[in-house]
Amino acid sequence: MQTSKEYAARAWILEDLRQHLTTDELDEVILFARRAGYLDADVQLTDAGTRYFNLMTKYTKEVETI
């Protein structure tokens, strides 16, 4: 992924998790994402994070077009 796409994907994942966790504490969301394997220790996308983003945004786009 390009850097801008990685940034957008990381931001999307953190926002999605924040909504599901119902918290505004960014540290908690980042810790959860790291434990889930979506982000590495440097808060960079992992392969699992990329797959999660692609899966969730693909589904969202399909739902929006229906």
PDB file of N, CA and C in Angstrom:
ATOM      1  N   MET A   1       0.844  -1.198   0.000  1.00  0.00           N
ATOM      2  CA  MET A   1       0.000   0.000   0.000  1.00  0.00           C
ATOM      3  C   MET A   1       0.877   1.245   0.000  1.00  0.00           C
ATOM      4  N   GLN A   2       0.377   2.267  -0.602  1.00  0.00           N
ATOM      5  CA  GLN A   2       1.087   3.532  -0.567  1.00  0.00           C
ATOM      6  C   GLN A   2       0.902   4.149   0.810  1.00  0.00           C
ATOM      7  N   THR A   3       1.775   5.085   1.155  1.00  0.00           N
ATOM      8  CA  THR A   3       1.743   5.709   2.465  1.00  0.00           C
ATOM      9  C   THR A   3       0.411   6.381   2.759  1.00  0.00           C
ATOM     10  N   SER A   4      -0.146   7.111   1.811  1.00  0.00           N
ATOM     11  CA  SER A   4      -1.426   7.793   2.054  1.00  0.00           C
ATOM     12  C   SER A   4      -2.557   6.787   2.238  1.00  0.00           C
ATOM     13  N   LYS A   5      -2.515   5.687   1.497  1.00  0.00           N
ATOM     14  CA  LYS A   5      -3.529   4.642   1.661  1.00  0.00           C
ATOM     15  C   LYS A   5      -3.376   3.955   3.013  1.00  0.00           C
ATOM     16  N   GLU A   6      -2.132   3.734   3.433  1.00  0.00           N
ATOM     17  CA  GLU A   6      -1.893   3.127   4.743  1.00  0.00           C
ATOM     18  C   GLU A   6      -2.400   4.039   5.854  1.00  0.00           C
ATOM     19  N   TYR A   7      -2.154   5.331   5.717  1.00  0.00           N
ATOM     20  CA  TYR A   7      -2.627   6.290   6.714  1.00  0.00           C
ATOM     21  C   TYR A   7      -4.151   6.270   6.789  1.00  0.00           C
ATOM     22  N   ALA A   8      -4.796   6.299   5.629  1.00  0.00           N
ATOM     23  CA  ALA A   8      -6.262   6.289   5.591  1.00  0.00           C
ATOM     24  C   ALA A   8      -6.813   4.993   6.172  1.00  0.00           C
ATOM     25  N   ALA A   9      -6.189   3.879   5.856  1.00  0.00           N
ATOM     26  CA  ALA A   9      -6.645   2.587   6.381  1.00  0.00           C
ATOM     27  C   ALA A   9      -6.466   2.526   7.891  1.00  0.00           C
ATOM     28  N   ARG A  10      -5.330   2.983   8.384  1.00  0.00           N
ATOM     29  CA  ARG A  10      -5.077   2.983   9.830  1.00  0.00           C
ATOM     30  C   ARG A  10      -6.078   3.883  10.543  1.00  0.00           C
ATOM     31  N   ALA A  11      -6.328   5.058   9.997  1.00  0.00           N
ATOM     32  CA  ALA A  11      -7.302   5.977  10.603  1.00  0.00           C
ATOM     33  C   ALA A  11      -8.697   5.365  10.590  1.00  0.00           C
ATOM     34  N   TRP A  12      -9.052   4.695   9.512  1.00  0.00           N
ATOM     35  CA  TRP A  12     -10.375   4.070   9.413  1.00  0.00           C
ATOM     36  C   TRP A  12     -10.520   2.964  10.453  1.00  0.00           C
ATOM     37  N   ILE A  13      -9.493   2.124  10.580  1.00  0.00           N
ATOM     38  CA  ILE A  13      -9.536   1.032  11.558  1.00  0.00           C
ATOM     39  C   ILE A  13      -9.684   1.581  12.966  1.00  0.00           C
ATOM     40  N   LEU A  14      -8.908   2.596  13.307  1.00  0.00           N
ATOM     41  CA  LEU A  14      -8.984   3.160  14.656  1.00  0.00           C
ATOM     42  C   LEU A  14     -10.355   3.767  14.926  1.00  0.00           C
ATOM     43  N   GLU A  15     -10.929   4.441  13.948  1.00  0.00           N
ATOM     44  CA  GLU A  15     -12.264   5.021  14.126  1.00  0.00           C
ATOM     45  C   GLU A  15     -13.321   3.927  14.241  1.00  0.00           C
ATOM     46  N   ASP A  16     -13.213   2.896  13.430  1.00  0.00           N
ATOM     47  CA  ASP A  16     -14.163   1.784  13.494  1.00  0.00           C
ATOM     48  C   ASP A  16     -14.101   1.103  14.860  1.00  0.00           C
ATOM     49  N   LEU A  17     -12.901   0.840  15.333  1.00  0.00           N
ATOM     50  CA  LEU A  17     -12.754   0.211  16.649  1.00  0.00           C
ATOM     51  C   LEU A  17     -13.234   1.134  17.761  1.00  0.00           C
ATOM     52  N   ARG A  18     -12.968   2.433  17.638  1.00  0.00           N
ATOM     53  CA  ARG A  18     -13.421   3.382  18.655  1.00  0.00           C
ATOM     54  C   ARG A  18     -14.935   3.336  18.788  1.00  0.00           C
ATOM     55  N   GLN A  19     -15.624   3.261  17.671  1.00  0.00           N
ATOM     56  CA  GLN A  19     -17.086   3.199  17.704  1.00  0.00           C
ATOM     57  C   GLN A  19     -17.574   1.895  18.319  1.00  0.00           C
ATOM     58  N   HIS A  20     -16.916   0.791  17.996  1.00  0.00           N
ATOM     59  CA  HIS A  20     -17.324  -0.495  18.552  1.00  0.00           C
ATOM     60  C   HIS A  20     -16.991  -0.612  20.035  1.00  0.00           C
ATOM     61  N   LEU A  21     -15.898  -0.019  20.443  1.00  0.00           N
ATOM     62  CA  LEU A  21     -15.494  -0.079  21.849  1.00  0.00           C
ATOM     63  C   LEU A  21     -16.178   0.998  22.679  1.00  0.00           C
ATOM     64  N   THR A  22     -16.836   1.923  22.039  1.00  0.00           N
ATOM     65  CA  THR A  22     -17.517   3.063  22.677  1.00  0.00           C
ATOM     66  C   THR A  22     -16.612   3.784  23.669  1.00  0.00           C
ATOM     67  N   THR A  23     -15.459   4.177  23.182  1.00  0.00           N
ATOM     68  CA  THR A  23     -14.524   4.938  24.000  1.00  0.00           C
ATOM     69  C   THR A  23     -13.919   6.053  23.162  1.00  0.00           C
ATOM     70  N   ASP A  24     -13.516   7.111  23.824  1.00  0.00           N
ATOM     71  CA  ASP A  24     -12.817   8.196  23.152  1.00  0.00           C
ATOM     72  C   ASP A  24     -11.330   8.185  23.486  1.00  0.00           C
ATOM     73  N   GLU A  25     -10.893   7.188  24.248  1.00  0.00           N
ATOM     74  CA  GLU A  25      -9.492   7.075  24.643  1.00  0.00           C
ATOM     75  C   GLU A  25      -8.689   6.414  23.522  1.00  0.00           C
ATOM     76  N   LEU A  26      -7.928   7.217  22.807  1.00  0.00           N
ATOM     77  CA  LEU A  26      -7.154   6.714  21.674  1.00  0.00           C
ATOM     78  C   LEU A  26      -6.163   5.635  22.103  1.00  0.00           C
ATOM     79  N   ASP A  27      -5.563   5.791  23.280  1.00  0.00           N
ATOM     80  CA  ASP A  27      -4.606   4.794  23.756  1.00  0.00           C
ATOM     81  C   ASP A  27      -5.252   3.423  23.899  1.00  0.00           C
ATOM     82  N   GLU A  28      -6.483   3.375  24.391  1.00  0.00           N
ATOM     83  CA  GLU A  28      -7.195   2.104  24.539  1.00  0.00           C
ATOM     84  C   GLU A  28      -7.480   1.479  23.184  1.00  0.00           C
ATOM     85  N   VAL A  29      -7.857   2.303  22.233  1.00  0.00           N
ATOM     86  CA  VAL A  29      -8.176   1.809  20.895  1.00  0.00           C
ATOM     87  C   VAL A  29      -6.918   1.262  20.223  1.00  0.00           C
ATOM     88  N   ILE A  30      -5.817   1.984  20.338  1.00  0.00           N
ATOM     89  CA  ILE A  30      -4.553   1.526  19.752  1.00  0.00           C
ATOM     90  C   ILE A  30      -4.113   0.223  20.402  1.00  0.00           C
ATOM     91  N   LEU A  31      -4.215   0.130  21.711  1.00  0.00           N
ATOM     92  CA  LEU A  31      -3.836  -1.094  22.409  1.00  0.00           C
ATOM     93  C   LEU A  31      -4.691  -2.268  21.943  1.00  0.00           C
ATOM     94  N   PHE A  32      -5.990  -2.045  21.797  1.00  0.00           N
ATOM     95  CA  PHE A  32      -6.881  -3.099  21.311  1.00  0.00           C
ATOM     96  C   PHE A  32      -6.481  -3.527  19.899  1.00  0.00           C
ATOM     97  N   ALA A  33      -6.222  -2.553  19.023  1.00  0.00           N
ATOM     98  CA  ALA A  33      -5.844  -2.858  17.637  1.00  0.00           C
ATOM     99  C   ALA A  33      -4.533  -3.635  17.586  1.00  0.00           C
ATOM    100  N   ARG A  34      -3.605  -3.307  18.463  1.00  0.00           N
ATOM    101  CA  ARG A  34      -2.338  -4.040  18.517  1.00  0.00           C
ATOM    102  C   ARG A  34      -2.561  -5.460  19.007  1.00  0.00           C
ATOM    103  N   ARG A  35      -3.380  -5.617  20.045  1.00  0.00           N
ATOM    104  CA  ARG A  35      -3.665  -6.964  20.570  1.00  0.00           C
ATOM    105  C   ARG A  35      -4.414  -7.816  19.551  1.00  0.00           C
ATOM    106  N   ALA A  36      -5.270  -7.180  18.755  1.00  0.00           N
ATOM    107  CA  ALA A  36      -6.025  -7.899  17.722  1.00  0.00           C
ATOM    108  C   ALA A  36      -5.146  -8.245  16.521  1.00  0.00           C
ATOM    109  N   GLY A  37      -3.977  -7.629  16.446  1.00  0.00           N
ATOM    110  CA  GLY A  37      -3.059  -7.915  15.349  1.00  0.00           C
ATOM    111  C   GLY A  37      -3.237  -7.029  14.136  1.00  0.00           C
ATOM    112  N   TYR A  38      -4.052  -5.975  14.259  1.00  0.00           N
ATOM    113  CA  TYR A  38      -4.275  -5.064  13.136  1.00  0.00           C
ATOM    114  C   TYR A  38      -3.132  -4.072  12.978  1.00  0.00           C
ATOM    115  N   LEU A  39      -2.468  -3.744  14.079  1.00  0.00           N
ATOM    116  CA  LEU A  39      -1.338  -2.817  14.068  1.00  0.00           C
ATOM    117  C   LEU A  39      -0.157  -3.474  14.765  1.00  0.00           C
ATOM    118  N   ASP A  40       1.051  -3.124  14.336  1.00  0.00           N
ATOM    119  CA  ASP A  40       2.234  -3.662  14.998  1.00  0.00           C
ATOM    120  C   ASP A  40       2.665  -2.742  16.144  1.00  0.00           C
ATOM    121  N   ALA A  41       3.800  -3.025  16.738  1.00  0.00           N
ATOM    122  CA  ALA A  41       4.282  -2.247  17.883  1.00  0.00           C
ATOM    123  C   ALA A  41       4.548  -0.787  17.526  1.00  0.00           C
ATOM    124  N   ASP A  42       4.832  -0.512  16.255  1.00  0.00           N
ATOM    125  CA  ASP A  42       5.070   0.856  15.792  1.00  0.00           C
ATOM    126  C   ASP A  42       3.803   1.508  15.250  1.00  0.00           C
ATOM    127  N   VAL A  43       2.662   0.880  15.490  1.00  0.00           N
ATOM    128  CA  VAL A  43       1.339   1.340  15.054  1.00  0.00           C
ATOM    129  C   VAL A  43       1.261   1.431  13.525  1.00  0.00           C
ATOM    130  N   GLN A  44       1.930   0.508  12.864  1.00  0.00           N
ATOM    131  CA  GLN A  44       1.837   0.378  11.411  1.00  0.00           C
ATOM    132  C   GLN A  44       0.900  -0.780  11.095  1.00  0.00           C
ATOM    133  N   LEU A  45       0.243  -0.711   9.946  1.00  0.00           N
ATOM    134  CA  LEU A  45      -0.673  -1.776   9.544  1.00  0.00           C
ATOM    135  C   LEU A  45       0.051  -3.100   9.388  1.00  0.00           C
ATOM    136  N   THR A  46      -0.583  -4.150   9.855  1.00  0.00           N
ATOM    137  CA  THR A  46      -0.097  -5.501   9.615  1.00  0.00           C
ATOM    138  C   THR A  46      -0.891  -6.079   8.447  1.00  0.00           C
ATOM    139  N   ASP A  47      -0.544  -7.284   8.040  1.00  0.00           N
ATOM    140  CA  ASP A  47      -1.321  -7.942   6.987  1.00  0.00           C
ATOM    141  C   ASP A  47      -2.761  -8.143   7.440  1.00  0.00           C
ATOM    142  N   ALA A  48      -2.941  -8.498   8.712  1.00  0.00           N
ATOM    143  CA  ALA A  48      -4.296  -8.685   9.243  1.00  0.00           C
ATOM    144  C   ALA A  48      -5.072  -7.372   9.222  1.00  0.00           C
ATOM    145  N   GLY A  49      -4.411  -6.275   9.540  1.00  0.00           N
ATOM    146  CA  GLY A  49      -5.057  -4.968   9.501  1.00  0.00           C
ATOM    147  C   GLY A  49      -5.468  -4.581   8.092  1.00  0.00           C
ATOM    148  N   THR A  50      -4.610  -4.877   7.140  1.00  0.00           N
ATOM    149  CA  THR A  50      -4.929  -4.593   5.742  1.00  0.00           C
ATOM    150  C   THR A  50      -6.119  -5.425   5.279  1.00  0.00           C
ATOM    151  N   ARG A  51      -6.124  -6.716   5.645  1.00  0.00           N
ATOM    152  CA  ARG A  51      -7.253  -7.580   5.269  1.00  0.00           C
ATOM    153  C   ARG A  51      -8.543  -7.105   5.923  1.00  0.00           C
ATOM    154  N   TYR A  52      -8.474  -6.719   7.201  1.00  0.00           N
ATOM    155  CA  TYR A  52      -9.660  -6.229   7.913  1.00  0.00           C
ATOM    156  C   TYR A  52     -10.210  -4.979   7.223  1.00  0.00           C
ATOM    157  N   PHE A  53      -9.342  -4.049   6.911  1.00  0.00           N
ATOM    158  CA  PHE A  53      -9.760  -2.817   6.236  1.00  0.00           C
ATOM    159  C   PHE A  53     -10.397  -3.124   4.883  1.00  0.00           C
ATOM    160  N   ASN A  54      -9.728  -3.952   4.077  1.00  0.00           N
ATOM    161  CA  ASN A  54     -10.254  -4.277   2.749  1.00  0.00           C
ATOM    162  C   ASN A  54     -11.599  -4.983   2.837  1.00  0.00           C
ATOM    163  N   LEU A  55     -11.723  -5.916   3.751  1.00  0.00           N
ATOM    164  CA  LEU A  55     -12.976  -6.648   3.912  1.00  0.00           C
ATOM    165  C   LEU A  55     -14.102  -5.726   4.357  1.00  0.00           C
ATOM    166  N   MET A  56     -13.853  -4.916   5.362  1.00  0.00           N
ATOM    167  CA  MET A  56     -14.898  -4.064   5.921  1.00  0.00           C
ATOM    168  C   MET A  56     -15.283  -2.930   4.973  1.00  0.00           C
ATOM    169  N   THR A  57     -14.344  -2.366   4.266  1.00  0.00           N
ATOM    170  CA  THR A  57     -14.698  -1.271   3.362  1.00  0.00           C
ATOM    171  C   THR A  57     -15.334  -1.800   2.085  1.00  0.00           C
ATOM    172  N   LYS A  58     -14.953  -2.981   1.657  1.00  0.00           N
ATOM    173  CA  LYS A  58     -15.602  -3.577   0.487  1.00  0.00           C
ATOM    174  C   LYS A  58     -17.067  -3.834   0.807  1.00  0.00           C
ATOM    175  N   TYR A  59     -17.335  -4.401   1.949  1.00  0.00           N
ATOM    176  CA  TYR A  59     -18.711  -4.693   2.358  1.00  0.00           C
ATOM    177  C   TYR A  59     -19.505  -3.401   2.512  1.00  0.00           C
ATOM    178  N   THR A  60     -18.897  -2.387   3.106  1.00  0.00           N
ATOM    179  CA  THR A  60     -19.572  -1.104   3.305  1.00  0.00           C
ATOM    180  C   THR A  60     -19.945  -0.486   1.964  1.00  0.00           C
ATOM    181  N   LYS A  61     -19.043  -0.530   1.008  1.00  0.00           N
ATOM    182  CA  LYS A  61     -19.310   0.041  -0.309  1.00  0.00           C
ATOM    183  C   LYS A  61     -20.460  -0.692  -0.992  1.00  0.00           C
ATOM    184  N   GLU A  62     -20.505  -2.020  -0.849  1.00  0.00           N
ATOM    185  CA  GLU A  62     -21.585  -2.789  -1.460  1.00  0.00           C
ATOM    186  C   GLU A  62     -22.925  -2.448  -0.820  1.00  0.00           C
ATOM    187  N   VAL A  63     -22.943  -2.261   0.480  1.00  0.00           N
ATOM    188  CA  VAL A  63     -24.178  -1.926   1.180  1.00  0.00           C
ATOM    189  C   VAL A  63     -24.652  -0.540   0.771  1.00  0.00           C
ATOM    190  N   GLU A  64     -23.731   0.406   0.639  1.00  0.00           N
ATOM    191  CA  GLU A  64     -24.096   1.773   0.276  1.00  0.00           C
ATOM    192  C   GLU A  64     -24.677   1.857  -1.129  1.00  0.00           C
ATOM    193  N   THR A  65     -24.288   0.960  -2.028  1.00  0.00           N
ATOM    194  CA  THR A  65     -24.772   1.033  -3.402  1.00  0.00           C
ATOM    195  C   THR A  65     -26.120   0.339  -3.595  1.00  0.00           C
ATOM    196  N   ILE A  66     -26.547  -0.425  -2.621  1.00  0.00           N
ATOM    197  CA  ILE A  66     -27.840  -1.129  -2.736  1.00  0.00           C
ATOM    198  C   ILE A  66     -28.978  -0.174  -2.493  1.00  0.00           C
TER     199      ILE A  66
END
